[in-house]
Amino acid sequence: MAEEEKPRHHLFHHEKREGEEDKPIDYEAVHKYEKEEKHHKHLGRLDEVGAAAAGAFALHEKKEAKEDPEHAHRHKMEERIAEAVAVGAGGMAFHEHHEKKEAKKEEEEAEGKKHHHLF
């Protein structure tokens, strides 16, 4: 009365099928993706700091425009330029965040991890 035991399949732990073999891990590719991920993280941080600095400068110029009515037009122009720079830096930070996520995904694929789409 011994029943054959079926392999248990869990959500993230799958049994290997016949004929499947482990793929060798390409450590050079993994290292490359880790460096790329670090690089995008660093650039993202710099863009965040740039956005904050440009925003602070825009607020400073807005204050200067009120305090110095003689040169108010110049201060308002500089304020608008600083606002545009702040928006651009924020966009670059957003872009680098997505590049970092993409590099992480490529690293996981190079390691041989499988992505399970649950939804």
N, C-alpha and C. Protein backbone atom coordinates (compact mmCIF):
# COMPACT_ATOMS: atom_id res chain seq x y z
N MET A 1 0.79 -1.19 0.00
CA MET A 1 0.00 0.00 0.00
C MET A 1 0.84 1.27 0.00
N ALA A 2 2.02 1.15 -0.44
CA ALA A 2 2.88 2.33 -0.50
C ALA A 2 2.50 3.15 -1.72
N GLU A 3 2.12 4.36 -1.47
CA GLU A 3 1.75 5.26 -2.56
C GLU A 3 2.99 5.98 -3.06
N GLU A 4 2.99 6.28 -4.35
CA GLU A 4 4.08 7.07 -4.88
C GLU A 4 3.98 8.49 -4.36
N GLU A 5 5.09 8.98 -3.92
CA GLU A 5 5.09 10.33 -3.38
C GLU A 5 5.29 11.32 -4.52
N LYS A 6 4.36 12.26 -4.64
CA LYS A 6 4.48 13.28 -5.68
C LYS A 6 5.41 14.38 -5.17
N PRO A 7 6.20 14.95 -6.08
CA PRO A 7 7.05 16.05 -5.62
C PRO A 7 6.17 17.23 -5.22
N ARG A 8 6.54 17.83 -4.13
CA ARG A 8 5.76 18.97 -3.64
C ARG A 8 6.22 20.23 -4.34
N HIS A 9 5.27 20.94 -4.86
CA HIS A 9 5.57 22.21 -5.52
C HIS A 9 5.02 23.33 -4.65
N HIS A 10 5.91 24.18 -4.25
CA HIS A 10 5.49 25.35 -3.50
C HIS A 10 5.55 26.54 -4.42
N LEU A 11 5.16 27.64 -3.91
CA LEU A 11 5.10 28.84 -4.73
C LEU A 11 6.45 29.21 -5.32
N PHE A 12 7.52 29.14 -4.54
CA PHE A 12 8.82 29.56 -5.02
C PHE A 12 9.84 28.42 -5.10
N HIS A 13 9.49 27.24 -4.65
CA HIS A 13 10.42 26.12 -4.65
C HIS A 13 9.90 25.05 -5.59
N HIS A 14 10.50 24.97 -6.75
CA HIS A 14 10.05 24.01 -7.74
C HIS A 14 11.05 22.86 -7.84
N GLU A 15 10.51 21.69 -8.04
CA GLU A 15 11.35 20.53 -8.27
C GLU A 15 11.86 20.58 -9.70
N LYS A 16 13.05 20.07 -9.92
CA LYS A 16 13.59 20.03 -11.28
C LYS A 16 12.92 18.91 -12.04
N ARG A 17 12.64 19.18 -13.28
CA ARG A 17 12.07 18.15 -14.15
C ARG A 17 13.20 17.34 -14.76
N GLU A 18 12.85 16.23 -15.33
CA GLU A 18 13.85 15.40 -15.97
C GLU A 18 14.46 16.14 -17.15
N GLY A 19 15.75 16.07 -17.27
CA GLY A 19 16.42 16.72 -18.39
C GLY A 19 16.85 18.14 -18.10
N GLU A 20 16.35 18.74 -17.03
CA GLU A 20 16.75 20.12 -16.69
C GLU A 20 18.06 20.08 -15.94
N GLU A 21 18.89 21.03 -16.22
CA GLU A 21 20.16 21.14 -15.52
C GLU A 21 20.31 22.56 -15.00
N ASP A 22 21.15 22.69 -13.98
CA ASP A 22 21.44 24.04 -13.49
C ASP A 22 22.27 24.78 -14.51
N LYS A 23 21.91 26.03 -14.72
CA LYS A 23 22.72 26.86 -15.60
C LYS A 23 23.89 27.41 -14.79
N PRO A 24 25.08 27.40 -15.36
CA PRO A 24 26.20 27.97 -14.61
C PRO A 24 26.04 29.48 -14.46
N ILE A 25 26.44 29.98 -13.33
CA ILE A 25 26.33 31.41 -13.05
C ILE A 25 27.53 32.12 -13.65
N ASP A 26 27.26 33.14 -14.43
CA ASP A 26 28.31 33.95 -15.04
C ASP A 26 28.64 35.08 -14.05
N TYR A 27 29.67 34.87 -13.23
CA TYR A 27 29.98 35.82 -12.17
C TYR A 27 30.47 37.16 -12.71
N GLU A 28 31.11 37.15 -13.87
CA GLU A 28 31.55 38.41 -14.47
C GLU A 28 30.36 39.26 -14.85
N ALA A 29 29.32 38.65 -15.40
CA ALA A 29 28.11 39.38 -15.77
C ALA A 29 27.40 39.91 -14.52
N VAL A 30 27.37 39.09 -13.47
CA VAL A 30 26.75 39.52 -12.22
C VAL A 30 27.48 40.74 -11.67
N HIS A 31 28.81 40.68 -11.67
CA HIS A 31 29.60 41.81 -11.17
C HIS A 31 29.34 43.05 -12.01
N LYS A 32 29.24 42.87 -13.33
CA LYS A 32 28.98 44.00 -14.23
C LYS A 32 27.65 44.66 -13.88
N TYR A 33 26.62 43.84 -13.65
CA TYR A 33 25.31 44.39 -13.33
C TYR A 33 25.30 45.05 -11.95
N GLU A 34 26.07 44.51 -11.01
CA GLU A 34 26.17 45.14 -9.69
C GLU A 34 26.80 46.52 -9.81
N LYS A 35 27.86 46.62 -10.63
CA LYS A 35 28.51 47.91 -10.83
C LYS A 35 27.55 48.89 -11.51
N GLU A 36 26.80 48.39 -12.49
CA GLU A 36 25.85 49.24 -13.20
C GLU A 36 24.75 49.72 -12.25
N GLU A 37 24.28 48.83 -11.38
CA GLU A 37 23.25 49.21 -10.42
C GLU A 37 23.77 50.28 -9.46
N LYS A 38 25.01 50.12 -8.98
CA LYS A 38 25.62 51.12 -8.10
C LYS A 38 25.76 52.46 -8.81
N HIS A 39 26.18 52.40 -10.08
CA HIS A 39 26.38 53.62 -10.86
C HIS A 39 25.06 54.40 -10.99
N HIS A 40 23.97 53.70 -11.32
CA HIS A 40 22.68 54.37 -11.47
C HIS A 40 22.17 54.89 -10.13
N LYS A 41 22.46 54.17 -9.06
CA LYS A 41 22.05 54.63 -7.73
C LYS A 41 22.78 55.92 -7.38
N HIS A 42 24.08 55.97 -7.68
CA HIS A 42 24.88 57.15 -7.41
C HIS A 42 24.38 58.35 -8.22
N LEU A 43 24.12 58.13 -9.51
CA LEU A 43 23.62 59.23 -10.35
C LEU A 43 22.24 59.69 -9.89
N GLY A 44 21.42 58.76 -9.45
CA GLY A 44 20.10 59.12 -8.93
C GLY A 44 20.20 60.00 -7.70
N ARG A 45 21.13 59.66 -6.82
CA ARG A 45 21.33 60.49 -5.62
C ARG A 45 21.81 61.89 -5.99
N LEU A 46 22.74 61.96 -6.95
CA LEU A 46 23.22 63.27 -7.38
C LEU A 46 22.09 64.10 -7.99
N ASP A 47 21.23 63.47 -8.76
CA ASP A 47 20.10 64.19 -9.35
C ASP A 47 19.13 64.67 -8.29
N GLU A 48 18.92 63.86 -7.25
CA GLU A 48 18.04 64.29 -6.16
C GLU A 48 18.61 65.51 -5.45
N VAL A 49 19.91 65.49 -5.21
CA VAL A 49 20.56 66.63 -4.55
C VAL A 49 20.48 67.87 -5.45
N GLY A 50 20.69 67.67 -6.76
CA GLY A 50 20.59 68.78 -7.70
C GLY A 50 19.20 69.37 -7.74
N ALA A 51 18.18 68.53 -7.69
CA ALA A 51 16.80 69.02 -7.69
C ALA A 51 16.52 69.83 -6.43
N ALA A 52 17.01 69.34 -5.30
CA ALA A 52 16.80 70.06 -4.04
C ALA A 52 17.52 71.41 -4.05
N ALA A 53 18.75 71.42 -4.55
CA ALA A 53 19.52 72.66 -4.60
C ALA A 53 18.88 73.67 -5.54
N ALA A 54 18.42 73.21 -6.69
CA ALA A 54 17.78 74.12 -7.65
C ALA A 54 16.46 74.66 -7.08
N GLY A 55 15.73 73.82 -6.37
CA GLY A 55 14.49 74.28 -5.73
C GLY A 55 14.77 75.32 -4.67
N ALA A 56 15.82 75.10 -3.89
CA ALA A 56 16.19 76.07 -2.85
C ALA A 56 16.61 77.40 -3.49
N PHE A 57 17.36 77.32 -4.59
CA PHE A 57 17.80 78.54 -5.28
C PHE A 57 16.59 79.28 -5.85
N ALA A 58 15.61 78.55 -6.36
CA ALA A 58 14.40 79.19 -6.90
C ALA A 58 13.66 79.93 -5.79
N LEU A 59 13.56 79.31 -4.62
CA LEU A 59 12.90 79.99 -3.49
C LEU A 59 13.70 81.22 -3.06
N HIS A 60 15.01 81.12 -3.09
CA HIS A 60 15.86 82.26 -2.73
C HIS A 60 15.63 83.42 -3.71
N GLU A 61 15.59 83.11 -4.99
CA GLU A 61 15.38 84.17 -6.00
C GLU A 61 13.98 84.78 -5.89
N LYS A 62 13.00 83.98 -5.52
CA LYS A 62 11.65 84.51 -5.32
C LYS A 62 11.64 85.52 -4.18
N LYS A 63 12.36 85.19 -3.13
CA LYS A 63 12.46 86.10 -1.98
C LYS A 63 13.21 87.37 -2.38
N GLU A 64 14.29 87.21 -3.16
CA GLU A 64 15.08 88.36 -3.61
C GLU A 64 14.25 89.29 -4.50
N ALA A 65 13.37 88.72 -5.32
CA ALA A 65 12.53 89.53 -6.20
C ALA A 65 11.61 90.43 -5.39
N LYS A 66 11.13 89.93 -4.25
CA LYS A 66 10.26 90.74 -3.39
C LYS A 66 11.05 91.82 -2.65
N GLU A 67 12.26 91.47 -2.22
CA GLU A 67 13.07 92.40 -1.43
C GLU A 67 13.77 93.45 -2.28
N ASP A 68 14.07 93.14 -3.53
CA ASP A 68 14.83 94.05 -4.39
C ASP A 68 13.98 94.41 -5.62
N PRO A 69 13.04 95.36 -5.47
CA PRO A 69 12.14 95.67 -6.59
C PRO A 69 12.87 96.28 -7.79
N GLU A 70 14.04 96.86 -7.57
CA GLU A 70 14.79 97.47 -8.67
C GLU A 70 15.26 96.41 -9.67
N HIS A 71 15.65 95.22 -9.16
CA HIS A 71 16.13 94.13 -10.01
C HIS A 71 15.17 92.94 -9.99
N ALA A 72 13.90 93.21 -9.78
CA ALA A 72 12.91 92.14 -9.63
C ALA A 72 12.79 91.29 -10.90
N HIS A 73 12.86 91.93 -12.07
CA HIS A 73 12.72 91.17 -13.31
C HIS A 73 13.85 90.13 -13.45
N ARG A 74 15.06 90.54 -13.13
CA ARG A 74 16.21 89.62 -13.21
C ARG A 74 16.04 88.44 -12.25
N HIS A 75 15.58 88.74 -11.02
CA HIS A 75 15.39 87.68 -10.02
C HIS A 75 14.27 86.72 -10.45
N LYS A 76 13.22 87.26 -11.07
CA LYS A 76 12.14 86.39 -11.52
C LYS A 76 12.60 85.47 -12.64
N MET A 77 13.44 85.99 -13.54
CA MET A 77 13.97 85.16 -14.63
C MET A 77 14.85 84.04 -14.05
N GLU A 78 15.71 84.40 -13.10
CA GLU A 78 16.56 83.39 -12.49
C GLU A 78 15.74 82.36 -11.72
N GLU A 79 14.65 82.82 -11.12
CA GLU A 79 13.75 81.90 -10.41
C GLU A 79 13.14 80.89 -11.39
N ARG A 80 12.68 81.36 -12.54
CA ARG A 80 12.08 80.47 -13.53
C ARG A 80 13.09 79.47 -14.07
N ILE A 81 14.31 79.94 -14.29
CA ILE A 81 15.35 79.02 -14.76
C ILE A 81 15.65 77.96 -13.71
N ALA A 82 15.73 78.37 -12.45
CA ALA A 82 16.01 77.42 -11.36
C ALA A 82 14.87 76.42 -11.23
N GLU A 83 13.63 76.87 -11.44
CA GLU A 83 12.50 75.94 -11.38
C GLU A 83 12.60 74.89 -12.48
N ALA A 84 12.98 75.33 -13.68
CA ALA A 84 13.12 74.39 -14.80
C ALA A 84 14.24 73.39 -14.52
N VAL A 85 15.33 73.87 -13.95
CA VAL A 85 16.44 72.96 -13.62
C VAL A 85 16.00 71.95 -12.57
N ALA A 86 15.23 72.40 -11.59
CA ALA A 86 14.75 71.50 -10.54
C ALA A 86 13.85 70.41 -11.11
N VAL A 87 12.98 70.78 -12.03
CA VAL A 87 12.09 69.79 -12.66
C VAL A 87 12.91 68.80 -13.49
N GLY A 88 13.88 69.31 -14.24
CA GLY A 88 14.74 68.44 -15.04
C GLY A 88 15.54 67.48 -14.19
N ALA A 89 16.08 67.96 -13.08
CA ALA A 89 16.86 67.10 -12.20
C ALA A 89 15.97 66.03 -11.55
N GLY A 90 14.75 66.42 -11.22
CA GLY A 90 13.80 65.44 -10.67
C GLY A 90 13.47 64.36 -11.68
N GLY A 91 13.31 64.76 -12.94
CA GLY A 91 13.06 63.79 -14.00
C GLY A 91 14.23 62.85 -14.20
N MET A 92 15.45 63.39 -14.11
CA MET A 92 16.64 62.55 -14.25
C MET A 92 16.74 61.56 -13.08
N ALA A 93 16.40 62.01 -11.89
CA ALA A 93 16.42 61.11 -10.72
C ALA A 93 15.43 59.97 -10.93
N PHE A 94 14.26 60.29 -11.45
CA PHE A 94 13.25 59.28 -11.74
C PHE A 94 13.76 58.30 -12.79
N HIS A 95 14.40 58.81 -13.81
CA HIS A 95 14.95 57.98 -14.88
C HIS A 95 16.03 57.04 -14.33
N GLU A 96 16.93 57.56 -13.51
CA GLU A 96 18.00 56.74 -12.95
C GLU A 96 17.45 55.67 -12.02
N HIS A 97 16.36 55.98 -11.32
CA HIS A 97 15.72 54.99 -10.45
C HIS A 97 15.27 53.80 -11.29
N HIS A 98 14.66 54.08 -12.43
CA HIS A 98 14.20 52.99 -13.28
C HIS A 98 15.37 52.24 -13.93
N GLU A 99 16.44 52.95 -14.25
CA GLU A 99 17.62 52.28 -14.80
C GLU A 99 18.23 51.34 -13.76
N LYS A 100 18.22 51.78 -12.50
CA LYS A 100 18.76 50.94 -11.42
C LYS A 100 17.91 49.68 -11.27
N LYS A 101 16.59 49.82 -11.34
CA LYS A 101 15.71 48.66 -11.24
C LYS A 101 15.94 47.70 -12.40
N GLU A 102 16.15 48.24 -13.59
CA GLU A 102 16.41 47.42 -14.76
C GLU A 102 17.73 46.65 -14.62
N ALA A 103 18.76 47.32 -14.09
CA ALA A 103 20.05 46.66 -13.88
C ALA A 103 19.92 45.54 -12.85
N LYS A 104 19.10 45.76 -11.83
CA LYS A 104 18.90 44.74 -10.81
C LYS A 104 18.19 43.53 -11.41
N LYS A 105 17.21 43.79 -12.28
CA LYS A 105 16.49 42.70 -12.93
C LYS A 105 17.43 41.90 -13.83
N GLU A 106 18.30 42.59 -14.57
CA GLU A 106 19.26 41.90 -15.43
C GLU A 106 20.25 41.08 -14.60
N GLU A 107 20.62 41.60 -13.43
CA GLU A 107 21.53 40.86 -12.54
C GLU A 107 20.87 39.57 -12.07
N GLU A 108 19.61 39.64 -11.69
CA GLU A 108 18.91 38.45 -11.23
C GLU A 108 18.78 37.43 -12.35
N GLU A 109 18.55 37.91 -13.57
CA GLU A 109 18.46 36.98 -14.69
C GLU A 109 19.81 36.33 -14.97
N ALA A 110 20.90 37.10 -14.78
CA ALA A 110 22.24 36.54 -15.00
C ALA A 110 22.57 35.49 -13.95
N GLU A 111 22.04 35.66 -12.74
CA GLU A 111 22.25 34.68 -11.67
C GLU A 111 21.42 33.43 -11.87
N GLY A 112 20.43 33.53 -12.71
CA GLY A 112 19.59 32.37 -12.96
C GLY A 112 18.32 32.34 -12.14
N LYS A 113 18.00 33.42 -11.46
CA LYS A 113 16.76 33.47 -10.69
C LYS A 113 15.60 33.61 -11.66
N LYS A 114 14.51 32.95 -11.33
CA LYS A 114 13.34 33.00 -12.18
C LYS A 114 12.36 34.01 -11.60
N HIS A 115 11.67 34.70 -12.48
CA HIS A 115 10.65 35.65 -12.04
C HIS A 115 9.29 34.95 -12.11
N HIS A 116 8.58 34.98 -11.02
CA HIS A 116 7.26 34.38 -10.98
C HIS A 116 6.25 35.52 -11.01
N HIS A 117 5.47 35.55 -12.05
CA HIS A 117 4.46 36.58 -12.17
C HIS A 117 3.20 36.05 -11.49
N LEU A 118 2.87 36.64 -10.37
CA LEU A 118 1.75 36.14 -9.59
C LEU A 118 0.44 36.81 -9.98
N PHE A 119 0.53 38.03 -10.47
CA PHE A 119 -0.70 38.74 -10.78
C PHE A 119 -0.71 39.16 -12.22
